[in-house]
Amino acid sequence: ASLLTLQAALLWQKLHHTARRNLLLLGRLREGKGPAGSRKRATPEDLVRLYDAVLATLDEMRSLHGYKENEALMGQLAARSAVAKAHRCYWVAESYGAVSKWREAEALYERAAALLSEAEALLDDDAAQGGAAD
C-alpha cells in the first residue's frame, strides 16, 4: 500500500510540474515570445492545443487515487480546470473571429465569461473552507 501511495505522490508531482510548464509556456506565447530563436508568432490554434494539454493533465490529476478524497484539493483542481476551459474558449473565439464567424465567437466569449464566474465561485468556496496546499 505504501508503494502505491508513493507512486501516486510521484505521479501527482510529475503532473503538477507538467501543468505548470504548459501554463508558463502559454504565458510566454500570449506575450508574443515563442520558443528561443523562433520568430513565428503563436496562433490561437496553438494556444488551444496547449490548453487542451493542460486540461488533460488536470483531469488526470483529479483521477489519482489518494487525492480524490481531498475535497479542498479537488475544488482547487475544478477551479483551475474552469479557468483553463475559459481561456480555451476565449482562444477558440479568437479563431472564429479571425474568419468573421461573429455569432460563434460571441457565444464562445459568453461561455468563457460563464466559466470564469464558475471558477471564481469555486475559489470562493475553497477560500471559505480554508484552502488547500499544492
N, C-alpha and C. Protein backbone atom coordinates (compact mmCIF):
# COMPACT_ATOMS: atom_id res chain seq x y z
N ALA A 1 0.83 -1.20 0.00
CA ALA A 1 0.00 0.00 0.00
C ALA A 1 0.87 1.26 0.00
N SER A 2 1.98 1.21 0.73
CA SER A 2 2.83 2.40 0.78
C SER A 2 3.50 2.66 -0.57
N LEU A 3 3.77 1.59 -1.34
CA LEU A 3 4.34 1.78 -2.67
C LEU A 3 3.33 2.46 -3.60
N LEU A 4 2.05 2.10 -3.46
CA LEU A 4 1.01 2.73 -4.27
C LEU A 4 0.86 4.21 -3.89
N THR A 5 0.98 4.49 -2.60
CA THR A 5 0.90 5.88 -2.14
C THR A 5 2.08 6.68 -2.69
N LEU A 6 3.25 6.10 -2.64
CA LEU A 6 4.44 6.75 -3.19
C LEU A 6 4.31 6.98 -4.68
N GLN A 7 3.82 5.97 -5.39
CA GLN A 7 3.64 6.10 -6.84
C GLN A 7 2.65 7.22 -7.16
N ALA A 8 1.54 7.27 -6.42
CA ALA A 8 0.55 8.34 -6.64
C ALA A 8 1.15 9.70 -6.35
N ALA A 9 1.95 9.81 -5.29
CA ALA A 9 2.56 11.09 -4.94
C ALA A 9 3.54 11.55 -6.02
N LEU A 10 4.33 10.61 -6.52
CA LEU A 10 5.29 10.96 -7.58
C LEU A 10 4.57 11.34 -8.87
N LEU A 11 3.52 10.61 -9.20
CA LEU A 11 2.75 10.94 -10.39
C LEU A 11 2.08 12.30 -10.24
N TRP A 12 1.57 12.60 -9.04
CA TRP A 12 0.97 13.92 -8.77
C TRP A 12 2.00 15.02 -9.04
N GLN A 13 3.22 14.85 -8.50
CA GLN A 13 4.27 15.86 -8.70
C GLN A 13 4.60 16.03 -10.18
N LYS A 14 4.71 14.93 -10.89
CA LYS A 14 5.01 15.00 -12.32
C LYS A 14 3.91 15.76 -13.06
N LEU A 15 2.66 15.41 -12.78
CA LEU A 15 1.55 16.08 -13.46
C LEU A 15 1.47 17.55 -13.08
N HIS A 16 1.71 17.84 -11.82
CA HIS A 16 1.69 19.23 -11.35
C HIS A 16 2.73 20.07 -12.10
N HIS A 17 3.94 19.53 -12.22
CA HIS A 17 5.01 20.26 -12.93
C HIS A 17 4.72 20.35 -14.43
N THR A 18 4.11 19.33 -14.99
CA THR A 18 3.74 19.38 -16.41
C THR A 18 2.72 20.48 -16.65
N ALA A 19 1.71 20.56 -15.80
CA ALA A 19 0.70 21.61 -15.94
C ALA A 19 1.33 22.98 -15.79
N ARG A 20 2.20 23.15 -14.80
CA ARG A 20 2.87 24.46 -14.59
C ARG A 20 3.72 24.83 -15.80
N ARG A 21 4.46 23.86 -16.34
CA ARG A 21 5.30 24.12 -17.52
C ARG A 21 4.45 24.59 -18.69
N ASN A 22 3.34 23.88 -18.93
CA ASN A 22 2.45 24.26 -20.04
C ASN A 22 1.85 25.64 -19.82
N LEU A 23 1.49 25.95 -18.58
CA LEU A 23 0.93 27.28 -18.29
C LEU A 23 1.98 28.38 -18.47
N LEU A 24 3.22 28.10 -18.08
CA LEU A 24 4.30 29.07 -18.30
C LEU A 24 4.54 29.28 -19.80
N LEU A 25 4.52 28.19 -20.55
CA LEU A 25 4.68 28.29 -22.00
C LEU A 25 3.54 29.10 -22.61
N LEU A 26 2.32 28.86 -22.14
CA LEU A 26 1.17 29.63 -22.62
C LEU A 26 1.36 31.12 -22.34
N GLY A 27 1.84 31.43 -21.14
CA GLY A 27 2.09 32.83 -20.80
C GLY A 27 3.09 33.48 -21.74
N ARG A 28 4.15 32.77 -22.04
CA ARG A 28 5.16 33.30 -22.98
C ARG A 28 4.57 33.49 -24.38
N LEU A 29 3.80 32.51 -24.82
CA LEU A 29 3.23 32.60 -26.16
C LEU A 29 2.21 33.74 -26.26
N ARG A 30 1.43 33.94 -25.19
CA ARG A 30 0.45 35.05 -25.20
C ARG A 30 1.16 36.39 -25.24
N GLU A 31 2.35 36.47 -24.66
CA GLU A 31 3.14 37.70 -24.68
C GLU A 31 3.83 37.90 -26.03
N GLY A 32 3.72 36.93 -26.90
CA GLY A 32 4.35 37.03 -28.21
C GLY A 32 5.77 36.50 -28.24
N LYS A 33 6.18 35.84 -27.17
CA LYS A 33 7.52 35.25 -27.10
C LYS A 33 7.42 33.76 -27.39
N GLY A 34 7.91 33.36 -28.54
CA GLY A 34 7.89 31.94 -28.89
C GLY A 34 9.08 31.23 -28.30
N PRO A 35 9.30 30.01 -28.72
CA PRO A 35 10.50 29.28 -28.29
C PRO A 35 11.76 30.05 -28.66
N ALA A 36 12.83 29.81 -27.93
CA ALA A 36 14.08 30.54 -28.14
C ALA A 36 14.50 30.52 -29.60
N GLY A 37 14.78 31.67 -30.13
CA GLY A 37 15.24 31.78 -31.51
C GLY A 37 14.13 31.77 -32.54
N SER A 38 12.90 31.55 -32.13
CA SER A 38 11.79 31.47 -33.08
C SER A 38 11.17 32.85 -33.28
N ARG A 39 10.90 33.17 -34.52
CA ARG A 39 10.25 34.45 -34.84
C ARG A 39 8.77 34.25 -35.16
N LYS A 40 8.36 33.00 -35.23
CA LYS A 40 6.97 32.69 -35.55
C LYS A 40 6.07 33.04 -34.37
N ARG A 41 5.00 33.73 -34.67
CA ARG A 41 4.04 34.12 -33.63
C ARG A 41 3.03 32.98 -33.44
N ALA A 42 2.66 32.73 -32.20
CA ALA A 42 1.71 31.65 -31.90
C ALA A 42 0.33 32.02 -32.42
N THR A 43 -0.34 31.05 -32.99
CA THR A 43 -1.71 31.26 -33.46
C THR A 43 -2.67 30.89 -32.34
N PRO A 44 -3.91 31.35 -32.42
CA PRO A 44 -4.90 30.92 -31.42
C PRO A 44 -5.03 29.39 -31.36
N GLU A 45 -4.87 28.73 -32.50
CA GLU A 45 -4.96 27.28 -32.53
C GLU A 45 -3.84 26.63 -31.71
N ASP A 46 -2.65 27.23 -31.76
CA ASP A 46 -1.53 26.73 -30.96
C ASP A 46 -1.86 26.82 -29.47
N LEU A 47 -2.44 27.94 -29.08
CA LEU A 47 -2.80 28.14 -27.68
C LEU A 47 -3.91 27.17 -27.25
N VAL A 48 -4.87 26.93 -28.14
CA VAL A 48 -5.96 26.00 -27.83
C VAL A 48 -5.38 24.60 -27.59
N ARG A 49 -4.44 24.19 -28.42
CA ARG A 49 -3.83 22.86 -28.24
C ARG A 49 -3.12 22.76 -26.88
N LEU A 50 -2.43 23.81 -26.49
CA LEU A 50 -1.75 23.78 -25.19
C LEU A 50 -2.76 23.76 -24.04
N TYR A 51 -3.87 24.50 -24.18
CA TYR A 51 -4.90 24.45 -23.15
C TYR A 51 -5.53 23.07 -23.08
N ASP A 52 -5.67 22.40 -24.22
CA ASP A 52 -6.15 21.02 -24.22
C ASP A 52 -5.22 20.13 -23.40
N ALA A 53 -3.91 20.33 -23.56
CA ALA A 53 -2.93 19.55 -22.81
C ALA A 53 -3.04 19.83 -21.31
N VAL A 54 -3.23 21.10 -20.95
CA VAL A 54 -3.38 21.47 -19.54
C VAL A 54 -4.63 20.80 -18.97
N LEU A 55 -5.74 20.86 -19.71
CA LEU A 55 -6.98 20.25 -19.23
C LEU A 55 -6.83 18.74 -19.06
N ALA A 56 -6.14 18.09 -19.98
CA ALA A 56 -5.92 16.64 -19.86
C ALA A 56 -5.09 16.33 -18.62
N THR A 57 -4.08 17.15 -18.36
CA THR A 57 -3.24 16.94 -17.18
C THR A 57 -4.05 17.13 -15.91
N LEU A 58 -4.86 18.17 -15.85
CA LEU A 58 -5.69 18.42 -14.66
C LEU A 58 -6.70 17.30 -14.45
N ASP A 59 -7.27 16.79 -15.53
CA ASP A 59 -8.21 15.66 -15.41
C ASP A 59 -7.51 14.42 -14.86
N GLU A 60 -6.28 14.20 -15.33
CA GLU A 60 -5.52 13.05 -14.84
C GLU A 60 -5.20 13.22 -13.35
N MET A 61 -4.89 14.45 -12.94
CA MET A 61 -4.61 14.72 -11.52
C MET A 61 -5.85 14.43 -10.67
N ARG A 62 -7.02 14.79 -11.19
CA ARG A 62 -8.26 14.57 -10.44
C ARG A 62 -8.58 13.09 -10.25
N SER A 63 -8.05 12.25 -11.13
CA SER A 63 -8.38 10.83 -11.07
C SER A 63 -7.39 10.01 -10.23
N LEU A 64 -6.37 10.65 -9.69
CA LEU A 64 -5.37 9.91 -8.92
C LEU A 64 -5.94 9.42 -7.59
N HIS A 65 -5.70 8.14 -7.32
CA HIS A 65 -6.14 7.56 -6.04
C HIS A 65 -5.32 8.18 -4.92
N GLY A 66 -5.97 8.41 -3.81
CA GLY A 66 -5.30 9.02 -2.67
C GLY A 66 -5.49 10.53 -2.64
N TYR A 67 -5.90 11.10 -3.75
CA TYR A 67 -6.12 12.55 -3.81
C TYR A 67 -7.60 12.87 -4.00
N LYS A 68 -8.35 11.91 -4.56
CA LYS A 68 -9.78 12.13 -4.83
C LYS A 68 -10.55 12.46 -3.56
N GLU A 69 -10.09 11.94 -2.44
CA GLU A 69 -10.80 12.11 -1.18
C GLU A 69 -10.61 13.52 -0.59
N ASN A 70 -9.61 14.24 -1.04
CA ASN A 70 -9.32 15.58 -0.52
C ASN A 70 -10.21 16.60 -1.23
N GLU A 71 -11.31 16.96 -0.57
CA GLU A 71 -12.30 17.83 -1.20
C GLU A 71 -11.74 19.21 -1.54
N ALA A 72 -10.92 19.77 -0.66
CA ALA A 72 -10.36 21.10 -0.91
C ALA A 72 -9.46 21.07 -2.15
N LEU A 73 -8.65 20.04 -2.26
CA LEU A 73 -7.76 19.90 -3.41
C LEU A 73 -8.55 19.70 -4.70
N MET A 74 -9.59 18.88 -4.62
CA MET A 74 -10.45 18.66 -5.80
C MET A 74 -11.16 19.95 -6.20
N GLY A 75 -11.52 20.77 -5.22
CA GLY A 75 -12.14 22.07 -5.52
C GLY A 75 -11.17 22.99 -6.24
N GLN A 76 -9.92 22.99 -5.79
CA GLN A 76 -8.90 23.79 -6.47
C GLN A 76 -8.69 23.32 -7.91
N LEU A 77 -8.63 22.01 -8.08
CA LEU A 77 -8.45 21.47 -9.43
C LEU A 77 -9.64 21.80 -10.32
N ALA A 78 -10.85 21.75 -9.77
CA ALA A 78 -12.04 22.11 -10.54
C ALA A 78 -11.98 23.57 -10.94
N ALA A 79 -11.53 24.43 -10.05
CA ALA A 79 -11.41 25.86 -10.37
C ALA A 79 -10.35 26.08 -11.45
N ARG A 80 -9.22 25.42 -11.31
CA ARG A 80 -8.16 25.56 -12.32
C ARG A 80 -8.63 25.06 -13.68
N SER A 81 -9.39 23.97 -13.67
CA SER A 81 -9.93 23.45 -14.93
C SER A 81 -10.90 24.44 -15.55
N ALA A 82 -11.75 25.05 -14.72
CA ALA A 82 -12.71 26.03 -15.24
C ALA A 82 -11.98 27.23 -15.85
N VAL A 83 -10.90 27.67 -15.22
CA VAL A 83 -10.12 28.79 -15.76
C VAL A 83 -9.48 28.38 -17.09
N ALA A 84 -8.90 27.19 -17.13
CA ALA A 84 -8.27 26.73 -18.38
C ALA A 84 -9.31 26.59 -19.49
N LYS A 85 -10.50 26.08 -19.15
CA LYS A 85 -11.57 25.96 -20.15
C LYS A 85 -12.01 27.34 -20.64
N ALA A 86 -12.05 28.30 -19.73
CA ALA A 86 -12.43 29.66 -20.12
C ALA A 86 -11.41 30.24 -21.09
N HIS A 87 -10.14 30.07 -20.78
CA HIS A 87 -9.09 30.58 -21.68
C HIS A 87 -9.15 29.86 -23.03
N ARG A 88 -9.41 28.55 -22.98
CA ARG A 88 -9.53 27.79 -24.23
C ARG A 88 -10.69 28.33 -25.06
N CYS A 89 -11.84 28.56 -24.42
CA CYS A 89 -13.00 29.13 -25.13
C CYS A 89 -12.65 30.48 -25.75
N TYR A 90 -11.93 31.29 -24.99
CA TYR A 90 -11.54 32.61 -25.49
C TYR A 90 -10.71 32.48 -26.77
N TRP A 91 -9.74 31.58 -26.77
CA TRP A 91 -8.87 31.45 -27.94
C TRP A 91 -9.58 30.79 -29.11
N VAL A 92 -10.53 29.90 -28.84
CA VAL A 92 -11.35 29.36 -29.93
C VAL A 92 -12.18 30.49 -30.52
N ALA A 93 -12.73 31.35 -29.64
CA ALA A 93 -13.49 32.51 -30.11
C ALA A 93 -12.63 33.43 -30.97
N GLU A 94 -11.39 33.63 -30.56
CA GLU A 94 -10.48 34.45 -31.36
C GLU A 94 -10.28 33.84 -32.75
N SER A 95 -10.19 32.51 -32.81
CA SER A 95 -10.06 31.83 -34.10
C SER A 95 -11.27 32.08 -34.98
N TYR A 96 -12.46 31.97 -34.38
CA TYR A 96 -13.69 32.22 -35.13
C TYR A 96 -13.77 33.68 -35.57
N GLY A 97 -13.38 34.58 -34.69
CA GLY A 97 -13.40 36.00 -35.05
C GLY A 97 -12.46 36.31 -36.21
N ALA A 98 -11.35 35.61 -36.26
CA ALA A 98 -10.37 35.85 -37.34
C ALA A 98 -10.92 35.48 -38.71
N VAL A 99 -11.92 34.59 -38.75
CA VAL A 99 -12.53 34.20 -40.02
C VAL A 99 -13.96 34.73 -40.14
N SER A 100 -14.25 35.78 -39.39
CA SER A 100 -15.53 36.51 -39.44
C SER A 100 -16.75 35.65 -39.09
N LYS A 101 -16.58 34.71 -38.20
CA LYS A 101 -17.72 33.93 -37.68
C LYS A 101 -18.12 34.56 -36.34
N TRP A 102 -18.80 35.70 -36.45
CA TRP A 102 -19.06 36.54 -35.28
C TRP A 102 -20.01 35.91 -34.28
N ARG A 103 -21.05 35.24 -34.74
CA ARG A 103 -22.01 34.62 -33.81
C ARG A 103 -21.34 33.53 -32.98
N GLU A 104 -20.57 32.69 -33.64
CA GLU A 104 -19.87 31.63 -32.93
C GLU A 104 -18.89 32.22 -31.92
N ALA A 105 -18.17 33.26 -32.35
CA ALA A 105 -17.21 33.91 -31.46
C ALA A 105 -17.92 34.51 -30.25
N GLU A 106 -19.04 35.18 -30.48
CA GLU A 106 -19.78 35.79 -29.37
C GLU A 106 -20.25 34.73 -28.38
N ALA A 107 -20.78 33.62 -28.88
CA ALA A 107 -21.23 32.54 -28.00
C ALA A 107 -20.07 32.00 -27.16
N LEU A 108 -18.91 31.87 -27.77
CA LEU A 108 -17.76 31.36 -27.04
C LEU A 108 -17.23 32.37 -26.03
N TYR A 109 -17.28 33.66 -26.35
CA TYR A 109 -16.88 34.68 -25.38
C TYR A 109 -17.81 34.63 -24.16
N GLU A 110 -19.11 34.45 -24.42
CA GLU A 110 -20.07 34.35 -23.32
C GLU A 110 -19.81 33.11 -22.48
N ARG A 111 -19.49 32.00 -23.14
CA ARG A 111 -19.18 30.77 -22.42
C ARG A 111 -17.92 30.95 -21.58
N ALA A 112 -16.93 31.65 -22.12
CA ALA A 112 -15.69 31.91 -21.37
C ALA A 112 -15.99 32.73 -20.11
N ALA A 113 -16.85 33.73 -20.24
CA ALA A 113 -17.22 34.55 -19.08
C ALA A 113 -17.94 33.70 -18.03
N ALA A 114 -18.83 32.82 -18.47
CA ALA A 114 -19.55 31.95 -17.54
C ALA A 114 -18.58 31.00 -16.82
N LEU A 115 -17.61 30.48 -17.54
CA LEU A 115 -16.63 29.59 -16.92
C LEU A 115 -15.77 30.32 -15.90
N LEU A 116 -15.44 31.58 -16.19
CA LEU A 116 -14.66 32.36 -15.22
C LEU A 116 -15.48 32.63 -13.97
N SER A 117 -16.77 32.88 -14.13
CA SER A 117 -17.63 33.06 -12.97
C SER A 117 -17.70 31.78 -12.15
N GLU A 118 -17.77 30.65 -12.83
CA GLU A 118 -17.78 29.35 -12.15
C GLU A 118 -16.49 29.15 -11.37
N ALA A 119 -15.37 29.48 -11.99
CA ALA A 119 -14.08 29.32 -11.32
C ALA A 119 -13.99 30.24 -10.10
N GLU A 120 -14.49 31.44 -10.25
CA GLU A 120 -14.48 32.38 -9.12
C GLU A 120 -15.31 31.84 -7.96
N ALA A 121 -16.46 31.27 -8.27
CA ALA A 121 -17.31 30.69 -7.22
C ALA A 121 -16.61 29.51 -6.56
N LEU A 122 -15.94 28.68 -7.34
CA LEU A 122 -15.21 27.54 -6.78
C LEU A 122 -14.07 28.01 -5.88
N LEU A 123 -13.38 29.07 -6.30
CA LEU A 123 -12.28 29.60 -5.48
C LEU A 123 -12.81 30.23 -4.21
N ASP A 124 -13.96 30.90 -4.29
CA ASP A 124 -14.58 31.48 -3.09
C ASP A 124 -14.98 30.38 -2.12
N ASP A 125 -15.53 29.28 -2.64
CA ASP A 125 -15.88 28.14 -1.79
C ASP A 125 -14.64 27.57 -1.13
N ASP A 126 -13.56 27.46 -1.90
CA ASP A 126 -12.31 26.92 -1.38
C ASP A 126 -11.76 27.83 -0.29
N ALA A 127 -11.81 29.15 -0.50
CA ALA A 127 -11.32 30.09 0.50
C ALA A 127 -12.16 30.01 1.77
N ALA A 128 -13.46 29.81 1.62
CA ALA A 128 -14.35 29.70 2.79
C ALA A 128 -14.04 28.44 3.58
N GLN A 129 -13.55 27.40 2.91
CA GLN A 129 -13.21 26.14 3.59
C GLN A 129 -11.79 26.15 4.15
N GLY A 130 -11.04 27.20 3.88
CA GLY A 130 -9.69 27.30 4.41
C GLY A 130 -8.59 27.00 3.43
N GLY A 131 -8.95 26.68 2.19
CA GLY A 131 -7.94 26.45 1.14
C GLY A 131 -7.23 25.13 1.31
N ALA A 132 -6.37 24.84 0.33
CA ALA A 132 -5.58 23.61 0.35
C ALA A 132 -4.20 23.89 -0.21
N ALA A 133 -3.24 23.14 0.22
CA ALA A 133 -1.88 23.31 -0.28
C ALA A 133 -1.65 22.43 -1.49
N ASP A 134 -0.73 22.86 -2.36
CA ASP A 134 -0.35 22.05 -3.54
C ASP A 134 0.52 20.91 -3.13
